[in-house]
Amino acid sequence: MEVILKKDVQNLGYKDELVTVKNGYGLNYLIPQGFAVLATESAKKVLAENQRQRAHKEAKIKDEAQKLADKVSGVKLTVGAKAGENGKIFGSVNTIQLAEAFKGKGLEIDRKHIILKDDSVKTLGSYKATVKLHREVSAEFEFEVIEE
């Protein structure tokens, strides 16, 4: 079954993308939740026209995302956390704390775009994470967790 995505769906595709899914997934989840519409001939024509009109805007957005990615890749963040004697943190460092650290550096990054390589950062030390700014643009940055 072919559907046209109305929103970005993780591990499936991006908005206004034509994807093939199993019938049950499309009819029972994607369409009722408002994530997709059925890809009829008329819907495909409307999609093609919308993509033509949006091509110029997309190029500008991608350029801005690339400029921000260049800035992000040069930044090394420091995040403070309370820790015990053996270097283990009380709790863990999450994307909210990283987004606030970016604000301190003058960069506005949404926490939803930050992807931690290690699912949970629970000890002091240096780590790497990725910021996905656009479907084709992402940047890797380093951050260090220190004791407060």
Protein backbone atom coordinates (compact mmCIF):
# COMPACT_ATOMS: atom_id res chain seq x y z
CA MET A 1 0.00 0.00 0.00
CA GLU A 2 1.34 3.43 -0.91
CA VAL A 3 0.72 6.38 1.38
CA ILE A 4 1.85 10.01 1.41
CA LEU A 5 3.19 11.10 4.79
CA LYS A 6 1.68 14.27 6.27
CA LYS A 7 4.21 14.39 9.14
CA ASP A 8 7.71 13.05 9.78
CA VAL A 9 7.49 9.46 11.04
CA GLN A 10 10.62 8.11 12.68
CA ASN A 11 12.16 5.09 10.91
CA LEU A 12 9.70 5.45 8.02
CA GLY A 13 10.07 8.77 6.22
CA TYR A 14 9.62 12.50 6.13
CA LYS A 15 6.69 14.82 5.45
CA ASP A 16 5.38 14.76 1.85
CA GLU A 17 7.22 11.55 1.03
CA LEU A 18 5.62 8.65 -0.84
CA VAL A 19 6.27 5.40 1.04
CA THR A 20 5.12 1.82 0.75
CA VAL A 21 3.84 0.20 3.94
CA LYS A 22 1.90 -2.90 4.87
CA ASN A 23 -1.87 -2.57 4.59
CA GLY A 24 -2.57 -2.98 8.31
CA TYR A 25 0.02 -0.40 9.35
CA GLY A 26 -1.32 2.14 6.87
CA LEU A 27 -5.04 1.60 7.43
CA ASN A 28 -4.99 0.98 11.18
CA TYR A 29 -2.31 3.39 12.37
CA LEU A 30 -0.91 5.94 9.91
CA ILE A 31 -4.14 7.15 8.32
CA PRO A 32 -6.33 7.26 11.48
CA GLN A 33 -3.59 9.05 13.47
CA GLY A 34 -3.29 11.68 10.74
CA PHE A 35 0.29 10.75 9.84
CA ALA A 36 -0.53 9.83 6.23
CA VAL A 37 -3.11 9.86 3.44
CA LEU A 38 -3.81 7.23 0.84
CA ALA A 39 -1.72 7.77 -2.32
CA THR A 40 -4.39 8.06 -5.00
CA GLU A 41 -3.59 9.43 -8.47
CA SER A 42 -4.99 12.88 -7.62
CA ALA A 43 -3.08 12.96 -4.31
CA LYS A 44 0.14 12.12 -6.17
CA LYS A 45 -0.44 15.00 -8.63
CA VAL A 46 -1.04 17.44 -5.77
CA LEU A 47 2.12 16.14 -4.05
CA ALA A 48 4.21 16.63 -7.21
CA GLU A 49 2.98 20.22 -7.60
CA ASN A 50 3.65 21.02 -3.94
CA GLN A 51 7.18 19.60 -4.18
CA ARG A 52 7.95 21.72 -7.25
CA GLN A 53 6.83 24.87 -5.45
CA ARG A 54 8.74 24.00 -2.30
CA ALA A 55 12.08 23.11 -3.96
CA HIS A 56 13.47 26.66 -3.74
CA LYS A 57 12.44 27.07 -0.09
CA GLU A 58 14.00 23.70 0.78
CA ALA A 59 17.36 24.74 -0.67
CA LYS A 60 17.39 27.87 1.49
CA ILE A 61 16.43 25.91 4.63
CA LYS A 62 19.12 23.32 3.91
CA ASP A 63 21.76 26.07 3.53
CA GLU A 64 20.79 27.56 6.90
CA ALA A 65 20.89 24.10 8.49
CA GLN A 66 24.36 23.51 7.02
CA LYS A 67 25.65 26.81 8.42
CA LEU A 68 24.29 25.91 11.86
CA ALA A 69 25.82 22.42 11.56
CA ASP A 70 29.22 23.97 10.90
CA LYS A 71 28.89 26.05 14.07
CA VAL A 72 27.70 23.06 16.12
CA SER A 73 30.52 20.76 15.03
CA GLY A 74 33.10 23.23 16.36
CA VAL A 75 31.51 23.51 19.81
CA LYS A 76 32.61 21.54 22.87
CA LEU A 77 30.03 21.68 25.63
CA THR A 78 30.52 21.20 29.34
CA VAL A 79 27.64 19.87 31.43
CA GLY A 80 27.77 19.86 35.21
CA ALA A 81 26.19 17.09 37.25
CA LYS A 82 26.23 15.93 40.85
CA ALA A 83 28.27 12.77 41.20
CA GLY A 84 29.33 10.28 43.85
CA GLU A 85 32.86 9.31 44.83
CA ASN A 86 33.36 6.78 42.03
CA GLY A 87 32.35 9.23 39.25
CA LYS A 88 28.81 7.93 38.87
CA ILE A 89 26.20 10.64 38.31
CA PHE A 90 23.03 10.92 40.37
CA GLY A 91 20.53 10.51 37.54
CA SER A 92 21.77 11.00 33.97
CA VAL A 93 22.57 13.71 31.44
CA ASN A 94 19.79 14.15 28.89
CA THR A 95 19.02 16.17 25.78
CA ILE A 96 17.34 18.95 27.78
CA GLN A 97 20.60 19.70 29.58
CA LEU A 98 22.50 19.66 26.28
CA ALA A 99 19.99 22.06 24.68
CA GLU A 100 20.43 24.44 27.65
CA ALA A 101 24.23 24.20 27.27
CA PHE A 102 23.84 25.17 23.59
CA LYS A 103 21.77 28.20 24.68
CA GLY A 104 24.67 29.20 26.91
CA LYS A 105 26.91 29.17 23.81
CA GLY A 106 24.42 31.29 21.85
CA LEU A 107 23.03 28.49 19.65
CA GLU A 108 19.32 27.69 19.59
CA ILE A 109 19.01 23.90 19.19
CA ASP A 110 15.77 22.05 19.90
CA ARG A 111 16.24 19.13 22.28
CA LYS A 112 14.27 16.85 19.98
CA HIS A 113 16.99 17.17 17.35
CA ILE A 114 19.78 16.00 19.68
CA ILE A 115 20.59 12.29 19.50
CA LEU A 116 22.78 10.76 22.21
CA LYS A 117 25.03 7.96 20.98
CA ASP A 118 25.04 6.34 24.41
CA ASP A 119 21.43 5.95 25.47
CA SER A 120 22.20 7.07 28.99
CA VAL A 121 25.10 9.16 30.19
CA LYS A 122 25.56 8.14 33.81
CA THR A 123 29.26 8.70 34.50
CA LEU A 124 31.66 11.60 34.34
CA GLY A 125 33.74 11.90 31.16
CA SER A 126 33.67 12.88 27.49
CA TYR A 127 30.92 11.81 25.11
CA LYS A 128 29.75 12.41 21.54
CA ALA A 129 26.27 13.21 20.31
CA THR A 130 24.63 14.17 17.03
CA VAL A 131 22.32 17.03 16.11
CA LYS A 132 19.99 16.29 13.20
CA LEU A 133 19.08 19.70 11.81
CA HIS A 134 17.59 18.66 8.46
CA ARG A 135 16.85 15.35 6.78
CA GLU A 136 20.19 15.61 4.94
CA VAL A 137 22.20 17.67 7.45
CA SER A 138 23.51 16.48 10.77
CA ALA A 139 26.49 17.45 12.90
CA GLU A 140 28.44 15.62 15.56
CA PHE A 141 29.65 17.40 18.68
CA GLU A 142 31.50 16.52 21.84
CA PHE A 143 30.45 17.25 25.39
CA GLU A 144 32.08 16.65 28.70
CA VAL A 145 30.30 15.81 31.93
CA ILE A 146 32.01 17.30 34.97
CA GLU A 147 31.22 17.26 38.65
CA GLU A 148 29.46 20.31 40.06
